[in-house]
């Protein structure tokens, strides 16, 4: 029979916190769940550069009878993403033993910390809008989204040779989402063929003209009159989110760490004692970088 010690209890508490941390993070992400995620449980440090391979372009040749093949020397593309963000959220618990006795108390503390990290990741991903230069932006600043704008975004990705099999997403701000729901044709049975279309019944847009539509509070805005809202239409491979493990604290420093890893996401939870406040301190942190992988696979949708 295992002996219960203070060390065992401390490790159990950190594992409990880590188990609750990652599902809460994933549940509060929009962009982070749509883009290409690259995660490996290898140790890294802030400033490291990660190379993401991009498939090369090849052509089909017509081989005549008796002819020979035409060997190609495709060049594998490469996108470099720097791990330049070490995001953390820290909180303290005066009586950490209550975490084991009252698990709901842990969630009360954990959720704000995890949501703060999720918001940081969302903001960084949506702030990449200016990097999509391969395609001309569609829409007009200060003007509500129209069916023609949505159609133009889909056509732009088609003309950029994005395979039809690749799922298309559009992430917009609250105002654009609201205006979208009020476009008459998008809520008529004759147009969409679905009685009680979700835009009316549930307030959700769903899929329109090939786009799975999402809204985010962190879509970037610039200017003053008119304000330009930089919504994004893209495929999964347009953007990359790279996450790597942070190292364990040095032994004997009084800190205990656990990793939470799920679905190409990974984060670290560190527990330490703070003598000044006589409390246990928890730090939830993640090391990541984000960037554009395939420029032609994204287009700005300005409203």
C-alpha atoms as a PDB file:
ATOM      1  CA  UNK A   1       0.000   0.000   0.000  1.00  0.00           C
ATOM      2  CA  UNK A   2       1.389   3.386  -1.046  1.00  0.00           C
ATOM      3  CA  UNK A   3       2.178   5.807   1.748  1.00  0.00           C
ATOM      4  CA  UNK A   4       0.558   9.234   1.477  1.00  0.00           C
ATOM      5  CA  UNK A   5       3.210  11.926   1.809  1.00  0.00           C
ATOM      6  CA  UNK A   6       3.311  15.665   1.274  1.00  0.00           C
ATOM      7  CA  UNK A   7       5.209  15.041  -1.966  1.00  0.00           C
ATOM      8  CA  UNK A   8       2.508  12.704  -3.255  1.00  0.00           C
ATOM      9  CA  UNK A   9      -0.189  15.217  -2.390  1.00  0.00           C
ATOM     10  CA  UNK A  10       1.711  18.047  -4.094  1.00  0.00           C
ATOM     11  CA  UNK A  11       2.173  16.005  -7.262  1.00  0.00           C
ATOM     12  CA  UNK A  12      -1.487  15.021  -7.228  1.00  0.00           C
ATOM     13  CA  UNK A  13      -2.584  18.645  -6.957  1.00  0.00           C
ATOM     14  CA  UNK A  14      -0.453  19.726  -9.915  1.00  0.00           C
ATOM     15  CA  UNK A  15      -1.721  16.822 -12.020  1.00  0.00           C
ATOM     16  CA  UNK A  16      -5.291  17.759 -11.137  1.00  0.00           C
ATOM     17  CA  UNK A  17      -4.713  21.361 -12.188  1.00  0.00           C
ATOM     18  CA  UNK A  18      -3.031  20.279 -15.438  1.00  0.00           C
ATOM     19  CA  UNK A  19      -5.876  17.911 -16.289  1.00  0.00           C
ATOM     20  CA  UNK A  20      -8.373  20.778 -16.114  1.00  0.00           C
ATOM     21  CA  UNK A  21      -6.182  23.345 -17.858  1.00  0.00           C
ATOM     22  CA  UNK A  22      -5.962  22.144 -21.464  1.00  0.00           C
ATOM     23  CA  UNK A  23      -9.625  21.234 -22.135  1.00  0.00           C
ATOM     24  CA  UNK A  24     -10.560  24.713 -20.901  1.00  0.00           C
ATOM     25  CA  UNK A  25      -7.996  26.275 -23.247  1.00  0.00           C
ATOM     26  CA  UNK A  26      -9.173  24.353 -26.316  1.00  0.00           C
ATOM     27  CA  UNK A  27     -12.794  25.150 -25.514  1.00  0.00           C
ATOM     28  CA  UNK A  28     -12.110  28.894 -25.540  1.00  0.00           C
ATOM     29  CA  UNK A  29     -10.209  28.988 -28.836  1.00  0.00           C
ATOM     30  CA  UNK A  30     -11.659  29.860 -32.232  1.00  0.00           C
ATOM     31  CA  UNK A  31      -8.703  30.516 -34.532  1.00  0.00           C
ATOM     32  CA  UNK A  32      -6.487  28.156 -32.571  1.00  0.00           C
ATOM     33  CA  UNK A  33      -8.829  25.281 -33.401  1.00  0.00           C
ATOM     34  CA  UNK A  34      -9.016  26.112 -37.127  1.00  0.00           C
ATOM     35  CA  UNK A  35      -5.396  26.673 -38.166  1.00  0.00           C
ATOM     36  CA  UNK A  36      -2.625  24.157 -38.765  1.00  0.00           C
ATOM     37  CA  UNK A  37      -1.230  23.218 -35.364  1.00  0.00           C
ATOM     38  CA  UNK A  38       2.288  21.860 -35.012  1.00  0.00           C
ATOM     39  CA  UNK A  39       3.083  20.431 -31.594  1.00  0.00           C
ATOM     40  CA  UNK A  40       5.909  18.200 -30.455  1.00  0.00           C
ATOM     41  CA  UNK A  41       6.713  17.271 -26.849  1.00  0.00           C
ATOM     42  CA  UNK A  42      10.321  18.396 -27.231  1.00  0.00           C
ATOM     43  CA  UNK A  43      11.922  21.044 -25.076  1.00  0.00           C
ATOM     44  CA  UNK A  44      12.401  24.477 -26.608  1.00  0.00           C
ATOM     45  CA  UNK A  45      13.175  28.009 -25.541  1.00  0.00           C
ATOM     46  CA  UNK A  46      11.768  31.382 -26.495  1.00  0.00           C
ATOM     47  CA  UNK A  47      13.416  32.600 -29.686  1.00  0.00           C
ATOM     48  CA  UNK A  48      13.861  29.174 -31.266  1.00  0.00           C
ATOM     49  CA  UNK A  49      12.911  28.920 -34.951  1.00  0.00           C
ATOM     50  CA  UNK A  50      10.786  26.039 -36.205  1.00  0.00           C
ATOM     51  CA  UNK A  51      10.833  25.036 -39.882  1.00  0.00           C
ATOM     52  CA  UNK A  52       7.467  23.937 -41.275  1.00  0.00           C
ATOM     53  CA  UNK A  53       7.707  22.121 -44.658  1.00  0.00           C
ATOM     54  CA  UNK A  54       5.363  23.244 -47.433  1.00  0.00           C
ATOM     55  CA  UNK A  55       4.465  20.842 -50.315  1.00  0.00           C
ATOM     56  CA  UNK A  56       6.113  21.751 -53.640  1.00  0.00           C
ATOM     57  CA  UNK A  57       4.297  22.557 -56.872  1.00  0.00           C
ATOM     58  CA  UNK A  58       4.527  19.994 -59.674  1.00  0.00           C
ATOM     59  CA  UNK A  59       3.145  19.776 -63.211  1.00  0.00           C
ATOM     60  CA  UNK A  60       1.705  16.897 -65.244  1.00  0.00           C
ATOM     61  CA  UNK A  61       3.440  16.068 -68.523  1.00  0.00           C
ATOM     62  CA  UNK A  62       1.884  14.277 -71.484  1.00  0.00           C
ATOM     63  CA  UNK A  63       4.100  11.329 -72.297  1.00  0.00           C
ATOM     64  CA  UNK A  64       3.837  10.260 -75.941  1.00  0.00           C
ATOM     65  CA  UNK A  65       3.991   6.656 -77.072  1.00  0.00           C
ATOM     66  CA  UNK A  66       7.587   5.565 -76.935  1.00  0.00           C
ATOM     67  CA  UNK A  67       8.552   8.712 -75.090  1.00  0.00           C
ATOM     68  CA  UNK A  68      10.217   9.120 -71.724  1.00  0.00           C
ATOM     69  CA  UNK A  69       9.177  10.706 -68.477  1.00  0.00           C
ATOM     70  CA  UNK A  70      10.191  14.249 -67.622  1.00  0.00           C
ATOM     71  CA  UNK A  71      11.846  14.206 -64.193  1.00  0.00           C
ATOM     72  CA  UNK A  72      11.098  17.194 -62.034  1.00  0.00           C
ATOM     73  CA  UNK A  73      13.155  18.660 -59.249  1.00  0.00           C
ATOM     74  CA  UNK A  74      10.534  20.151 -56.971  1.00  0.00           C
ATOM     75  CA  UNK A  75      11.762  22.419 -54.242  1.00  0.00           C
ATOM     76  CA  UNK A  76      10.212  21.751 -50.870  1.00  0.00           C
ATOM     77  CA  UNK A  77       8.894  25.003 -49.466  1.00  0.00           C
ATOM     78  CA  UNK A  78       9.660  26.136 -45.964  1.00  0.00           C
ATOM     79  CA  UNK A  79       7.889  28.438 -43.544  1.00  0.00           C
ATOM     80  CA  UNK A  80       9.822  29.584 -40.511  1.00  0.00           C
ATOM     81  CA  UNK A  81       7.920  30.310 -37.326  1.00  0.00           C
ATOM     82  CA  UNK A  82       9.693  31.772 -34.315  1.00  0.00           C
ATOM     83  CA  UNK A  83       8.671  30.722 -30.816  1.00  0.00           C
ATOM     84  CA  UNK A  84       8.459  34.335 -29.730  1.00  0.00           C
ATOM     85  CA  UNK A  85       5.601  34.213 -27.224  1.00  0.00           C
ATOM     86  CA  UNK A  86       5.789  32.795 -23.724  1.00  0.00           C
ATOM     87  CA  UNK A  87       2.293  33.404 -22.411  1.00  0.00           C
ATOM     88  CA  UNK A  88       1.507  32.847 -18.750  1.00  0.00           C
ATOM     89  CA  UNK A  89      -1.296  33.338 -16.284  1.00  0.00           C
ATOM     90  CA  UNK A  90      -0.620  33.046 -12.563  1.00  0.00           C
ATOM     91  CA  UNK A  91      -2.877  32.802  -9.524  1.00  0.00           C
ATOM     92  CA  UNK A  92      -2.491  31.938  -5.850  1.00  0.00           C
ATOM     93  CA  UNK A  93      -4.479  29.710  -3.506  1.00  0.00           C
ATOM     94  CA  UNK A  94      -4.171  30.379   0.241  1.00  0.00           C
ATOM     95  CA  UNK A  95      -5.446  26.900   1.160  1.00  0.00           C
ATOM     96  CA  UNK A  96      -4.431  24.558  -1.645  1.00  0.00           C
ATOM     97  CA  UNK A  97      -5.833  21.463   0.104  1.00  0.00           C
ATOM     98  CA  UNK A  98      -9.339  22.718  -0.675  1.00  0.00           C
ATOM     99  CA  UNK A  99      -8.602  21.957  -4.331  1.00  0.00           C
ATOM    100  CA  UNK A 100      -8.687  18.247  -3.553  1.00  0.00           C
ATOM    101  CA  UNK A 101     -11.777  18.512  -1.385  1.00  0.00           C
ATOM    102  CA  UNK A 102     -13.741  20.880  -3.644  1.00  0.00           C
ATOM    103  CA  UNK A 103     -12.809  20.332  -7.341  1.00  0.00           C
ATOM    104  CA  UNK A 104     -15.244  23.051  -8.500  1.00  0.00           C
ATOM    105  CA  UNK A 105     -13.158  25.582  -6.598  1.00  0.00           C
ATOM    106  CA  UNK A 106     -10.245  24.774  -8.885  1.00  0.00           C
ATOM    107  CA  UNK A 107     -12.290  25.572 -11.981  1.00  0.00           C
ATOM    108  CA  UNK A 108     -13.233  28.963 -10.547  1.00  0.00           C
ATOM    109  CA  UNK A 109      -9.550  29.843 -10.373  1.00  0.00           C
ATOM    110  CA  UNK A 110      -8.435  27.991 -13.499  1.00  0.00           C
ATOM    111  CA  UNK A 111     -10.894  29.272 -16.070  1.00  0.00           C
ATOM    112  CA  UNK A 112      -9.878  32.974 -15.957  1.00  0.00           C
ATOM    113  CA  UNK A 113      -6.210  32.021 -16.218  1.00  0.00           C
ATOM    114  CA  UNK A 114      -6.736  29.705 -19.172  1.00  0.00           C
ATOM    115  CA  UNK A 115      -9.097  32.101 -20.939  1.00  0.00           C
ATOM    116  CA  UNK A 116      -6.429  34.813 -20.686  1.00  0.00           C
ATOM    117  CA  UNK A 117      -3.966  32.574 -22.550  1.00  0.00           C
ATOM    118  CA  UNK A 118      -6.595  31.642 -25.143  1.00  0.00           C
ATOM    119  CA  UNK A 119      -7.311  35.315 -25.796  1.00  0.00           C
ATOM    120  CA  UNK A 120      -3.605  35.972 -26.302  1.00  0.00           C
ATOM    121  CA  UNK A 121      -3.342  33.175 -28.886  1.00  0.00           C
ATOM    122  CA  UNK A 122      -6.496  34.378 -30.691  1.00  0.00           C
ATOM    123  CA  UNK A 123      -5.219  37.950 -30.861  1.00  0.00           C
ATOM    124  CA  UNK A 124      -1.835  36.930 -32.233  1.00  0.00           C
ATOM    125  CA  UNK A 125      -3.348  34.727 -34.946  1.00  0.00           C
ATOM    126  CA  UNK A 126      -5.881  37.327 -36.083  1.00  0.00           C
ATOM    127  CA  UNK A 127      -3.191  39.997 -36.075  1.00  0.00           C
ATOM    128  CA  UNK A 128      -1.540  38.187 -39.005  1.00  0.00           C
ATOM    129  CA  UNK A 129      -4.172  39.535 -41.422  1.00  0.00           C
ATOM    130  CA  UNK A 130      -1.762  42.074 -42.957  1.00  0.00           C
ATOM    131  CA  UNK A 131       0.545  39.264 -44.064  1.00  0.00           C
ATOM    132  CA  UNK A 132      -1.963  37.938 -46.590  1.00  0.00           C
ATOM    133  CA  UNK A 133      -0.689  39.855 -49.599  1.00  0.00           C
ATOM    134  CA  UNK A 134      -1.026  37.247 -52.356  1.00  0.00           C
ATOM    135  CA  UNK A 135      -4.740  37.978 -52.788  1.00  0.00           C
ATOM    136  CA  UNK A 136      -6.412  41.362 -53.106  1.00  0.00           C
ATOM    137  CA  UNK A 137      -8.655  42.097 -50.079  1.00  0.00           C
ATOM    138  CA  UNK A 138     -12.401  42.029 -50.704  1.00  0.00           C
ATOM    139  CA  UNK A 139     -15.048  44.264 -49.148  1.00  0.00           C
ATOM    140  CA  UNK A 140     -15.008  47.918 -48.126  1.00  0.00           C
ATOM    141  CA  UNK A 141     -14.023  49.497 -44.820  1.00  0.00           C
ATOM    142  CA  UNK A 142     -16.983  50.751 -42.804  1.00  0.00           C
ATOM    143  CA  UNK A 143     -19.463  48.885 -45.017  1.00  0.00           C
ATOM    144  CA  UNK A 144     -21.595  45.948 -43.862  1.00  0.00           C
ATOM    145  CA  UNK A 145     -20.803  42.576 -45.366  1.00  0.00           C
ATOM    146  CA  UNK A 146     -22.896  41.589 -48.386  1.00  0.00           C
ATOM    147  CA  UNK A 147     -23.539  38.406 -50.286  1.00  0.00           C
ATOM    148  CA  UNK A 148     -21.345  39.789 -53.076  1.00  0.00           C
ATOM    149  CA  UNK A 149     -18.431  40.178 -50.634  1.00  0.00           C
ATOM    150  CA  UNK A 150     -18.775  36.597 -49.414  1.00  0.00           C
ATOM    151  CA  UNK A 151     -18.952  35.402 -53.013  1.00  0.00           C
ATOM    152  CA  UNK A 152     -15.845  37.421 -53.910  1.00  0.00           C
ATOM    153  CA  UNK A 153     -13.882  35.850 -51.050  1.00  0.00           C
ATOM    154  CA  UNK A 154     -14.802  32.338 -52.178  1.00  0.00           C
ATOM    155  CA  UNK A 155     -13.949  33.157 -55.791  1.00  0.00           C
ATOM    156  CA  UNK A 156     -10.591  34.590 -54.717  1.00  0.00           C
ATOM    157  CA  UNK A 157      -9.585  31.353 -53.011  1.00  0.00           C
ATOM    158  CA  UNK A 158     -10.788  29.352 -56.024  1.00  0.00           C
ATOM    159  CA  UNK A 159      -8.702  31.454 -58.433  1.00  0.00           C
ATOM    160  CA  UNK A 160      -5.719  30.986 -56.109  1.00  0.00           C
ATOM    161  CA  UNK A 161      -5.922  27.250 -56.924  1.00  0.00           C
ATOM    162  CA  UNK A 162      -6.921  26.229 -53.413  1.00  0.00           C
ATOM    163  CA  UNK A 163      -8.195  22.634 -53.754  1.00  0.00           C
ATOM    164  CA  UNK A 164     -11.985  22.330 -53.321  1.00  0.00           C
ATOM    165  CA  UNK A 165     -11.382  19.519 -50.841  1.00  0.00           C
ATOM    166  CA  UNK A 166      -9.763  21.918 -48.363  1.00  0.00           C
ATOM    167  CA  UNK A 167     -12.238  23.233 -45.835  1.00  0.00           C
ATOM    168  CA  UNK A 168     -12.767  26.994 -45.951  1.00  0.00           C
ATOM    169  CA  UNK A 169     -13.312  29.164 -42.890  1.00  0.00           C
ATOM    170  CA  UNK A 170     -14.275  32.770 -42.338  1.00  0.00           C
ATOM    171  CA  UNK A 171     -13.735  34.420 -38.951  1.00  0.00           C
ATOM    172  CA  UNK A 172     -15.488  37.758 -38.489  1.00  0.00           C
ATOM    173  CA  UNK A 173     -16.172  40.237 -35.698  1.00  0.00           C
ATOM    174  CA  UNK A 174     -19.491  40.580 -33.853  1.00  0.00           C
ATOM    175  CA  UNK A 175     -20.799  43.418 -36.034  1.00  0.00           C
ATOM    176  CA  UNK A 176     -20.043  41.596 -39.280  1.00  0.00           C
ATOM    177  CA  UNK A 177     -21.594  38.392 -37.922  1.00  0.00           C
ATOM    178  CA  UNK A 178     -24.753  40.276 -36.946  1.00  0.00           C
ATOM    179  CA  UNK A 179     -25.035  41.934 -40.364  1.00  0.00           C
ATOM    180  CA  UNK A 180     -24.463  38.564 -42.030  1.00  0.00           C
ATOM    181  CA  UNK A 181     -27.379  36.999 -40.152  1.00  0.00           C
ATOM    182  CA  UNK A 182     -29.651  39.759 -41.462  1.00  0.00           C
ATOM    183  CA  UNK A 183     -28.947  39.227 -45.160  1.00  0.00           C
ATOM    184  CA  UNK A 184     -32.436  38.138 -46.265  1.00  0.00           C
ATOM    185  CA  UNK A 185     -31.414  35.407 -48.708  1.00  0.00           C
ATOM    186  CA  UNK A 186     -29.310  33.695 -46.049  1.00  0.00           C
ATOM    187  CA  UNK A 187     -32.374  33.057 -43.883  1.00  0.00           C
ATOM    188  CA  UNK A 188     -34.898  32.123 -46.559  1.00  0.00           C
ATOM    189  CA  UNK A 189     -35.923  28.539 -47.127  1.00  0.00           C
ATOM    190  CA  UNK A 190     -36.033  29.142 -50.894  1.00  0.00           C
ATOM    191  CA  UNK A 191     -32.351  30.117 -50.860  1.00  0.00           C
ATOM    192  CA  UNK A 192     -30.819  27.691 -48.405  1.00  0.00           C
ATOM    193  CA  UNK A 193     -33.227  24.769 -48.518  1.00  0.00           C
ATOM    194  CA  UNK A 194     -33.287  24.343 -44.751  1.00  0.00           C
ATOM    195  CA  UNK A 195     -36.501  25.047 -42.840  1.00  0.00           C
ATOM    196  CA  UNK A 196     -35.860  27.090 -39.702  1.00  0.00           C
ATOM    197  CA  UNK A 197     -32.403  28.130 -40.862  1.00  0.00           C
ATOM    198  CA  UNK A 198     -29.978  28.316 -37.888  1.00  0.00           C
ATOM    199  CA  UNK A 199     -29.434  32.062 -38.369  1.00  0.00           C
ATOM    200  CA  UNK A 200     -33.028  32.550 -37.216  1.00  0.00           C
ATOM    201  CA  UNK A 201     -33.534  29.542 -34.934  1.00  0.00           C
ATOM    202  CA  UNK A 202     -30.172  29.412 -33.153  1.00  0.00           C
ATOM    203  CA  UNK A 203     -28.467  32.662 -34.090  1.00  0.00           C
ATOM    204  CA  UNK A 204     -25.654  30.777 -35.844  1.00  0.00           C
ATOM    205  CA  UNK A 205     -24.723  31.130 -39.489  1.00  0.00           C
ATOM    206  CA  UNK A 206     -23.232  27.709 -40.099  1.00  0.00           C
ATOM    207  CA  UNK A 207     -21.959  27.264 -43.642  1.00  0.00           C
ATOM    208  CA  UNK A 208     -22.554  29.743 -46.468  1.00  0.00           C
ATOM    209  CA  UNK A 209     -21.071  29.587 -49.989  1.00  0.00           C
ATOM    210  CA  UNK A 210     -18.503  27.031 -48.905  1.00  0.00           C
ATOM    211  CA  UNK A 211     -17.383  28.901 -45.768  1.00  0.00           C
ATOM    212  CA  UNK A 212     -17.772  27.636 -42.225  1.00  0.00           C
ATOM    213  CA  UNK A 213     -18.415  30.904 -40.410  1.00  0.00           C
ATOM    214  CA  UNK A 214     -17.156  31.769 -36.924  1.00  0.00           C
ATOM    215  CA  UNK A 215     -17.060  34.965 -34.919  1.00  0.00           C
ATOM    216  CA  UNK A 216     -14.349  36.227 -32.629  1.00  0.00           C
ATOM    217  CA  UNK A 217     -14.037  39.162 -30.269  1.00  0.00           C
ATOM    218  CA  UNK A 218     -10.424  39.635 -31.333  1.00  0.00           C
ATOM    219  CA  UNK A 219     -10.733  40.404 -35.047  1.00  0.00           C
ATOM    220  CA  UNK A 220      -8.392  43.324 -35.669  1.00  0.00           C
ATOM    221  CA  UNK A 221      -9.606  46.855 -36.425  1.00  0.00           C
ATOM    222  CA  UNK A 222      -7.639  49.813 -37.782  1.00  0.00           C
ATOM    223  CA  UNK A 223      -8.327  53.452 -38.617  1.00  0.00           C
ATOM    224  CA  UNK A 224     -10.903  55.822 -37.220  1.00  0.00           C
ATOM    225  CA  UNK A 225     -13.206  57.115 -39.954  1.00  0.00           C
ATOM    226  CA  UNK A 226     -14.147  54.697 -41.288  1.00  0.00           C
ATOM    227  CA  UNK A 227     -12.931  51.916 -39.022  1.00  0.00           C
ATOM    228  CA  UNK A 228     -11.649  48.974 -41.070  1.00  0.00           C
ATOM    229  CA  UNK A 229     -12.467  45.529 -39.672  1.00  0.00           C
ATOM    230  CA  UNK A 230     -10.039  42.897 -40.942  1.00  0.00           C
ATOM    231  CA  UNK A 231     -12.025  39.663 -41.075  1.00  0.00           C
ATOM    232  CA  UNK A 232     -10.264  36.607 -42.481  1.00  0.00           C
ATOM    233  CA  UNK A 233     -11.232  33.942 -45.027  1.00  0.00           C
ATOM    234  CA  UNK A 234      -8.739  31.081 -45.123  1.00  0.00           C
ATOM    235  CA  UNK A 235      -8.033  27.361 -45.174  1.00  0.00           C
ATOM    236  CA  UNK A 236      -6.350  25.364 -42.434  1.00  0.00           C
ATOM    237  CA  UNK A 237      -2.921  25.504 -44.078  1.00  0.00           C
ATOM    238  CA  UNK A 238      -2.957  29.283 -44.457  1.00  0.00           C
ATOM    239  CA  UNK A 239      -1.831  29.804 -40.860  1.00  0.00           C
ATOM    240  CA  UNK A 240       0.327  27.848 -38.467  1.00  0.00           C
ATOM    241  CA  UNK A 241       0.391  27.680 -34.674  1.00  0.00           C
ATOM    242  CA  UNK A 242       3.559  26.062 -33.337  1.00  0.00           C
ATOM    243  CA  UNK A 243       3.755  24.975 -29.698  1.00  0.00           C
ATOM    244  CA  UNK A 244       6.688  23.393 -27.895  1.00  0.00           C
ATOM    245  CA  UNK A 245       7.342  22.155 -24.372  1.00  0.00           C
ATOM    246  CA  UNK A 246       8.875  24.374 -21.740  1.00  0.00           C
ATOM    247  CA  UNK A 247      11.537  22.778 -19.509  1.00  0.00           C
ATOM    248  CA  UNK A 248      10.908  21.496 -16.006  1.00  0.00           C
ATOM    249  CA  UNK A 249      11.955  23.735 -13.089  1.00  0.00           C
ATOM    250  CA  UNK A 250      15.368  22.993 -11.605  1.00  0.00           C
ATOM    251  CA  UNK A 251      15.245  20.249  -8.957  1.00  0.00           C
ATOM    252  CA  UNK A 252      15.296  21.504  -5.393  1.00  0.00           C
ATOM    253  CA  UNK A 253      13.882  24.933  -6.203  1.00  0.00           C
ATOM    254  CA  UNK A 254      10.557  24.171  -4.537  1.00  0.00           C
ATOM    255  CA  UNK A 255       8.540  24.099  -7.774  1.00  0.00           C
ATOM    256  CA  UNK A 256       6.636  21.156  -9.232  1.00  0.00           C
ATOM    257  CA  UNK A 257       5.548  21.044 -12.885  1.00  0.00           C
ATOM    258  CA  UNK A 258       3.259  18.888 -14.986  1.00  0.00           C
ATOM    259  CA  UNK A 259       2.517  18.959 -18.705  1.00  0.00           C
ATOM    260  CA  UNK A 260      -0.976  19.008 -20.156  1.00  0.00           C
ATOM    261  CA  UNK A 261      -1.076  17.767 -23.746  1.00  0.00           C
ATOM    262  CA  UNK A 262      -4.107  17.175 -25.927  1.00  0.00           C
ATOM    263  CA  UNK A 263      -4.889  17.467 -29.640  1.00  0.00           C
ATOM    264  CA  UNK A 264      -1.656  19.163 -30.775  1.00  0.00           C
ATOM    265  CA  UNK A 265      -1.773  21.529 -27.831  1.00  0.00           C
ATOM    266  CA  UNK A 266       0.602  21.518 -24.911  1.00  0.00           C
ATOM    267  CA  UNK A 267       1.071  23.666 -21.845  1.00  0.00           C
ATOM    268  CA  UNK A 268       2.878  23.554 -18.525  1.00  0.00           C
ATOM    269  CA  UNK A 269       1.473  23.953 -15.027  1.00  0.00           C
ATOM    270  CA  UNK A 270       3.912  24.949 -12.278  1.00  0.00           C
ATOM    271  CA  UNK A 271       3.128  24.994  -8.544  1.00  0.00           C
ATOM    272  CA  UNK A 272       5.395  26.783  -6.090  1.00  0.00           C
ATOM    273  CA  UNK A 273       5.180  28.163  -2.573  1.00  0.00           C
ATOM    274  CA  UNK A 274       5.218  31.910  -1.966  1.00  0.00           C
ATOM    275  CA  UNK A 275       6.418  32.641   1.590  1.00  0.00           C
ATOM    276  CA  UNK A 276       5.483  36.331   1.385  1.00  0.00           C
ATOM    277  CA  UNK A 277       1.800  35.509   0.972  1.00  0.00           C
ATOM    278  CA  UNK A 278       1.815  32.060   2.618  1.00  0.00           C
ATOM    279  CA  UNK A 279       0.054  30.701  -0.440  1.00  0.00           C
ATOM    280  CA  UNK A 280       0.613  28.177  -3.206  1.00  0.00           C
ATOM    281  CA  UNK A 281       1.190  29.828  -6.568  1.00  0.00           C
ATOM    282  CA  UNK A 282       0.092  28.236  -9.830  1.00  0.00           C
ATOM    283  CA  UNK A 283       1.441  29.336 -13.197  1.00  0.00           C
ATOM    284  CA  UNK A 284      -0.117  28.088 -16.417  1.00  0.00           C
ATOM    285  CA  UNK A 285       2.142  28.875 -19.350  1.00  0.00           C
ATOM    286  CA  UNK A 286       2.698  27.974 -22.990  1.00  0.00           C
ATOM    287  CA  UNK A 287       5.508  28.636 -25.471  1.00  0.00           C
ATOM    288  CA  UNK A 288       4.294  29.241 -29.008  1.00  0.00           C
ATOM    289  CA  UNK A 289       4.702  31.120 -32.253  1.00  0.00           C
ATOM    290  CA  UNK A 290       2.352  31.712 -35.149  1.00  0.00           C
ATOM    291  CA  UNK A 291       2.754  32.731 -38.757  1.00  0.00           C
ATOM    292  CA  UNK A 292       1.536  32.452 -42.333  1.00  0.00           C
ATOM    293  CA  UNK A 293       2.260  29.134 -44.019  1.00  0.00           C
ATOM    294  CA  UNK A 294       0.539  29.511 -47.403  1.00  0.00           C
ATOM    295  CA  UNK A 295      -0.076  33.133 -48.394  1.00  0.00           C
ATOM    296  CA  UNK A 296      -2.443  32.333 -51.252  1.00  0.00           C
ATOM    297  CA  UNK A 297      -4.736  30.358 -48.921  1.00  0.00           C
ATOM    298  CA  UNK A 298      -6.004  33.447 -47.098  1.00  0.00           C
ATOM    299  CA  UNK A 299      -7.755  36.690 -48.017  1.00  0.00           C
ATOM    300  CA  UNK A 300      -8.755  39.728 -45.997  1.00  0.00           C
ATOM    301  CA  UNK A 301     -12.489  40.425 -45.889  1.00  0.00           C
ATOM    302  CA  UNK A 302     -12.794  44.089 -44.967  1.00  0.00           C
ATOM    303  CA  UNK A 303     -15.960  45.540 -43.463  1.00  0.00           C
END
